[in-house]
Amino acid sequence: MVKSIYSSRVAQHQNPIPAAAVHRGLLITSAIIGKELHTDAYPQEKEKQVELVFEYLAIILDEAGATLQDIVKIDLFFADKKDRALVNPHWLRLYPDETQRPARQAHTAVLPAGCCLHLVATAMLDPLTSG
């Protein structure tokens, strides 16, 4: 049975969807967005949006009983693919060992006004402890 992960500590979507779902040890996030939690608005600074996206990723993983090392792949959806460079400082901070990084793929997407990035992560958890 699928277990939905909801968090009051991350920006919410307009639609009734969870932050992530877990089934038999497979965790997939919904699109993680870089809105400010208390204003429900995207910061004008793209760097701040990217920072929030990675902060929210860590929160979602924690609430699901996962870690950054459980991630197998991260998909990045950019309004402008030139913004990929904004991700690299966070990537290197989270995954300093190049032999222990998840796969990563960048896509161009039509995103909401003011949004520069959506992130979707896929992780494998221990099925005996993840529900």
C-alpha atoms as a PDB file:
ATOM      1  CA  MET A   1       0.000   0.000   0.000  1.00  0.00           C
ATOM      2  CA  VAL A   2       1.272   3.465  -0.842  1.00  0.00           C
ATOM      3  CA  LYS A   3       2.197   5.694   2.080  1.00  0.00           C
ATOM      4  CA  SER A   4       1.806   9.420   1.360  1.00  0.00           C
ATOM      5  CA  ILE A   5       4.265  11.852   2.929  1.00  0.00           C
ATOM      6  CA  TYR A   6       2.846  15.250   3.817  1.00  0.00           C
ATOM      7  CA  SER A   7       4.901  17.929   5.526  1.00  0.00           C
ATOM      8  CA  SER A   8       3.923  21.234   7.067  1.00  0.00           C
ATOM      9  CA  ARG A   9       7.600  22.207   6.860  1.00  0.00           C
ATOM     10  CA  VAL A  10       7.720  22.486   3.050  1.00  0.00           C
ATOM     11  CA  ALA A  11       5.894  24.671   0.529  1.00  0.00           C
ATOM     12  CA  GLN A  12       2.591  23.157  -0.528  1.00  0.00           C
ATOM     13  CA  HIS A  13       1.131  22.626  -3.983  1.00  0.00           C
ATOM     14  CA  GLN A  14      -2.174  24.084  -5.106  1.00  0.00           C
ATOM     15  CA  ASN A  15      -3.462  20.591  -5.885  1.00  0.00           C
ATOM     16  CA  PRO A  16      -4.180  17.881  -3.267  1.00  0.00           C
ATOM     17  CA  ILE A  17      -0.944  15.928  -3.646  1.00  0.00           C
ATOM     18  CA  PRO A  18       1.578  14.677  -1.096  1.00  0.00           C
ATOM     19  CA  ALA A  19       5.196  15.815  -0.932  1.00  0.00           C
ATOM     20  CA  ALA A  20       6.211  12.223  -1.681  1.00  0.00           C
ATOM     21  CA  ALA A  21       4.931   8.670  -1.768  1.00  0.00           C
ATOM     22  CA  VAL A  22       6.583   5.441  -0.623  1.00  0.00           C
ATOM     23  CA  HIS A  23       5.739   1.930  -1.779  1.00  0.00           C
ATOM     24  CA  ARG A  24       7.768  -1.214  -1.101  1.00  0.00           C
ATOM     25  CA  GLY A  25      10.886   0.802  -0.402  1.00  0.00           C
ATOM     26  CA  LEU A  26      10.590   3.079  -3.436  1.00  0.00           C
ATOM     27  CA  LEU A  27      10.208   6.779  -2.617  1.00  0.00           C
ATOM     28  CA  ILE A  28       9.314   9.301  -5.297  1.00  0.00           C
ATOM     29  CA  THR A  29       8.746  12.943  -4.508  1.00  0.00           C
ATOM     30  CA  SER A  30       6.204  15.155  -6.133  1.00  0.00           C
ATOM     31  CA  ALA A  31       7.684  18.299  -7.657  1.00  0.00           C
ATOM     32  CA  ILE A  32       9.543  20.095  -4.891  1.00  0.00           C
ATOM     33  CA  ILE A  33       9.079  23.831  -5.343  1.00  0.00           C
ATOM     34  CA  GLY A  34      11.082  26.748  -4.008  1.00  0.00           C
ATOM     35  CA  LYS A  35       8.280  28.877  -2.579  1.00  0.00           C
ATOM     36  CA  GLU A  36       8.711  30.666   0.718  1.00  0.00           C
ATOM     37  CA  LEU A  37       6.870  28.657   3.347  1.00  0.00           C
ATOM     38  CA  HIS A  38       5.090  31.565   5.045  1.00  0.00           C
ATOM     39  CA  THR A  39       4.352  33.779   2.038  1.00  0.00           C
ATOM     40  CA  ASP A  40       3.491  31.091  -0.546  1.00  0.00           C
ATOM     41  CA  ALA A  41       5.501  33.102  -3.089  1.00  0.00           C
ATOM     42  CA  TYR A  42       8.609  32.368  -5.120  1.00  0.00           C
ATOM     43  CA  PRO A  43      11.565  34.496  -4.040  1.00  0.00           C
ATOM     44  CA  GLN A  44      12.782  36.822  -6.779  1.00  0.00           C
ATOM     45  CA  GLU A  45      16.340  35.572  -6.291  1.00  0.00           C
ATOM     46  CA  LYS A  46      16.799  32.304  -8.146  1.00  0.00           C
ATOM     47  CA  GLU A  47      19.569  31.323  -5.730  1.00  0.00           C
ATOM     48  CA  LYS A  48      17.078  31.456  -2.845  1.00  0.00           C
ATOM     49  CA  GLN A  49      14.583  29.282  -4.734  1.00  0.00           C
ATOM     50  CA  VAL A  50      17.259  26.663  -5.382  1.00  0.00           C
ATOM     51  CA  GLU A  51      18.338  26.784  -1.730  1.00  0.00           C
ATOM     52  CA  LEU A  52      14.727  26.210  -0.616  1.00  0.00           C
ATOM     53  CA  VAL A  53      14.243  23.299  -3.021  1.00  0.00           C
ATOM     54  CA  PHE A  54      17.232  21.448  -1.543  1.00  0.00           C
ATOM     55  CA  GLU A  55      16.203  22.365   2.016  1.00  0.00           C
ATOM     56  CA  TYR A  56      12.721  20.956   1.371  1.00  0.00           C
ATOM     57  CA  LEU A  57      14.202  17.816  -0.209  1.00  0.00           C
ATOM     58  CA  ALA A  58      16.122  17.090   3.000  1.00  0.00           C
ATOM     59  CA  ILE A  59      13.001  17.666   5.111  1.00  0.00           C
ATOM     60  CA  ILE A  60      10.861  15.360   2.970  1.00  0.00           C
ATOM     61  CA  LEU A  61      13.483  12.625   3.078  1.00  0.00           C
ATOM     62  CA  ASP A  62      13.811  12.941   6.845  1.00  0.00           C
ATOM     63  CA  GLU A  63      10.064  12.727   7.372  1.00  0.00           C
ATOM     64  CA  ALA A  64       9.964   9.623   5.161  1.00  0.00           C
ATOM     65  CA  GLY A  65      12.784   7.983   7.133  1.00  0.00           C
ATOM     66  CA  ALA A  66      15.273   8.425   4.280  1.00  0.00           C
ATOM     67  CA  THR A  67      18.600  10.177   3.780  1.00  0.00           C
ATOM     68  CA  LEU A  68      20.323  11.914   0.898  1.00  0.00           C
ATOM     69  CA  GLN A  69      22.318   8.712   0.324  1.00  0.00           C
ATOM     70  CA  ASP A  70      19.078   6.827  -0.382  1.00  0.00           C
ATOM     71  CA  ILE A  71      18.495   8.926  -3.512  1.00  0.00           C
ATOM     72  CA  VAL A  72      19.164   7.114  -6.773  1.00  0.00           C
ATOM     73  CA  LYS A  73      18.173   9.895  -9.197  1.00  0.00           C
ATOM     74  CA  ILE A  74      17.281  13.565  -9.137  1.00  0.00           C
ATOM     75  CA  ASP A  75      15.402  15.194 -12.000  1.00  0.00           C
ATOM     76  CA  LEU A  76      15.714  18.960 -12.262  1.00  0.00           C
ATOM     77  CA  PHE A  77      13.083  20.869 -14.230  1.00  0.00           C
ATOM     78  CA  PHE A  78      14.204  24.378 -15.204  1.00  0.00           C
ATOM     79  CA  ALA A  79      12.368  27.250 -16.814  1.00  0.00           C
ATOM     80  CA  ASP A  80      15.794  28.203 -18.225  1.00  0.00           C
ATOM     81  CA  LYS A  81      18.359  25.409 -18.457  1.00  0.00           C
ATOM     82  CA  LYS A  82      21.130  27.979 -17.994  1.00  0.00           C
ATOM     83  CA  ASP A  83      20.166  27.972 -14.301  1.00  0.00           C
ATOM     84  CA  ARG A  84      21.743  24.514 -13.884  1.00  0.00           C
ATOM     85  CA  ALA A  85      24.866  26.235 -12.569  1.00  0.00           C
ATOM     86  CA  LEU A  86      22.860  27.434  -9.538  1.00  0.00           C
ATOM     87  CA  VAL A  87      22.403  23.806  -8.475  1.00  0.00           C
ATOM     88  CA  ASN A  88      26.067  22.802  -8.525  1.00  0.00           C
ATOM     89  CA  PRO A  89      27.108  24.415  -5.185  1.00  0.00           C
ATOM     90  CA  HIS A  90      24.291  22.553  -3.405  1.00  0.00           C
ATOM     91  CA  TRP A  91      25.107  19.352  -5.299  1.00  0.00           C
ATOM     92  CA  LEU A  92      28.750  19.463  -4.286  1.00  0.00           C
ATOM     93  CA  ARG A  93      27.877  20.282  -0.669  1.00  0.00           C
ATOM     94  CA  LEU A  94      25.419  17.374  -0.429  1.00  0.00           C
ATOM     95  CA  TYR A  95      27.518  14.931  -2.453  1.00  0.00           C
ATOM     96  CA  PRO A  96      31.203  15.810  -2.017  1.00  0.00           C
ATOM     97  CA  ASP A  97      32.297  12.245  -2.850  1.00  0.00           C
ATOM     98  CA  GLU A  98      31.962  11.815  -6.603  1.00  0.00           C
ATOM     99  CA  THR A  99      31.738   8.042  -6.140  1.00  0.00           C
ATOM    100  CA  GLN A 100      28.533   8.361  -4.070  1.00  0.00           C
ATOM    101  CA  ARG A 101      26.360  10.749  -6.071  1.00  0.00           C
ATOM    102  CA  PRO A 102      22.940   9.898  -7.470  1.00  0.00           C
ATOM    103  CA  ALA A 103      22.198  10.208 -11.154  1.00  0.00           C
ATOM    104  CA  ARG A 104      21.023  13.650 -12.182  1.00  0.00           C
ATOM    105  CA  GLN A 105      19.159  14.882 -15.233  1.00  0.00           C
ATOM    106  CA  ALA A 106      18.173  18.413 -16.206  1.00  0.00           C
ATOM    107  CA  HIS A 107      15.035  19.131 -18.220  1.00  0.00           C
ATOM    108  CA  THR A 108      13.457  22.267 -19.610  1.00  0.00           C
ATOM    109  CA  ALA A 109       9.846  22.715 -18.511  1.00  0.00           C
ATOM    110  CA  VAL A 110       7.044  25.227 -18.498  1.00  0.00           C
ATOM    111  CA  LEU A 111       6.917  26.277 -14.844  1.00  0.00           C
ATOM    112  CA  PRO A 112       4.599  28.634 -12.942  1.00  0.00           C
ATOM    113  CA  ALA A 113       5.294  32.359 -13.192  1.00  0.00           C
ATOM    114  CA  GLY A 114       8.268  33.326 -11.046  1.00  0.00           C
ATOM    115  CA  CYS A 115       9.469  29.733 -10.606  1.00  0.00           C
ATOM    116  CA  CYS A 116      12.913  28.736 -11.872  1.00  0.00           C
ATOM    117  CA  LEU A 117      13.154  25.114 -10.656  1.00  0.00           C
ATOM    118  CA  HIS A 118      11.161  22.029  -9.721  1.00  0.00           C
ATOM    119  CA  LEU A 119      12.997  18.989  -8.360  1.00  0.00           C
ATOM    120  CA  VAL A 120      11.824  15.369  -8.331  1.00  0.00           C
ATOM    121  CA  ALA A 121      13.814  12.711  -6.475  1.00  0.00           C
ATOM    122  CA  THR A 122      13.688   8.931  -6.584  1.00  0.00           C
ATOM    123  CA  ALA A 123      15.071   6.993  -3.607  1.00  0.00           C
ATOM    124  CA  MET A 124      15.291   3.391  -2.489  1.00  0.00           C
ATOM    125  CA  LEU A 125      14.594   2.716   1.167  1.00  0.00           C
ATOM    126  CA  ASP A 126      14.739  -0.387   3.290  1.00  0.00           C
ATOM    127  CA  PRO A 127      11.334  -1.979   2.563  1.00  0.00           C
ATOM    128  CA  LEU A 128      11.192  -3.438   6.075  1.00  0.00           C
ATOM    129  CA  THR A 129      11.272   0.009   7.680  1.00  0.00           C
ATOM    130  CA  SER A 130       9.665   2.255   5.053  1.00  0.00           C
ATOM    131  CA  GLY A 131       6.104   0.982   4.809  1.00  0.00           C
END
